[in-house]
């Protein structure tokens, strides 16, 4: 791992307060450790968002490449009604 680098960052007071509270509570040894965890969480969320977007794009691509004929508006509405009815039934059972 490359050596640590010192940077200067300006944060809103409420963010600094929250970080200090976490350090004082013993969750982190230092503000730097807390910030590192926050950046790792941010990076993880960005990766998950990118994976989710890739999955959506793949579904769109499969749909566009699907040789099945297009559905009429009436067929779409009928299928949506079935899905809505299933969702209502699922909610009632939950």
Foldseek 3Di string as FASTA:
>chain_A
DDDDDDDDDDDPPVVVVVLVVCCVVVVDVDSVRVVVVVVVVVVVVVVVVVVVVVVVVVVVVCVVVDPDDDDDPVVVVVVVVVVVVVVVVVVVVD
